[in-house]
Amino acid sequence: MGYAEKNLAAGETILYRARYHWVYYIFSAIVLVLAAALGLAALYARNAPAGEEVGRLLAWLALAFVVIGLLGFLALRIRTGMDEFVVTNRRVIRRVGLFAREVQQAPLERIQDITVEQGMFARMLGYGTVIVETASENGMLIFPKIASPEDFRTNVWRQAPPAGRTPAEVPATPAPPAPRARLEELESLKQRGLLSDEEYAAKRQEILSHL
């Protein structure tokens, strides 16, 4: 169970959880590709005349690059499992860090603007950085290199109340009248001659069918 699940308020639910895009691992991927290239170069050098020493050196370099690449990938994998970018029906939560943890959150009604930063390459691959500007003390929440940033922004705006209004000020959808009140109103309309017997019977049956 993550930080967000452990700290939900009564009646609060998680609606969207953003994830890092795979480009977050690009450094480790490049290092491992270089390790593979050095390994091939080492094999070629060792088969060449008087190239055994060079081949041995390239092999050690390739091994070092493999270790660096794998350690980097492992560290990033742990980091992605710890970091949380969450949208609930009440707030946006950003929690990052392995040892020195940083937690930022902003109520939806205090969000002023959301910017998605994407270059051409990022748009092609479907990732970007989301910047949430708020009127709270956090000021700004940054969600870097997340997959589907537009989905993140859409889910925030879908829950956020209109600008300048808190959730309590947003008019709720009126609940339909109770069946008893509807029957009383129907009876009143019939007594005033506004409904025929057939219309009265049909409407009464319709109301009773929903009980």
Foldseek 3Di string as FASTA:
>chain_A
DAPCVVPADVPKDFDDWWAADPCLLVVLVVLLVVLVVLLVVLVVQCPDPPRPVVSVVSNVVSVVSNVVSVVSVVVVVVQRVHWIFTDMLFKTWTWGDDPPIDIDMDTLQFWDDKDWDDDPVCVVRAWTKIWTAGPDPVGIDIDGRIGNVVVVVVVSVVNRDPHPDDPVRPDDDDDDDQLVVVLVVLVVCVVVVNDDPVRSVVVNVVSVVVD
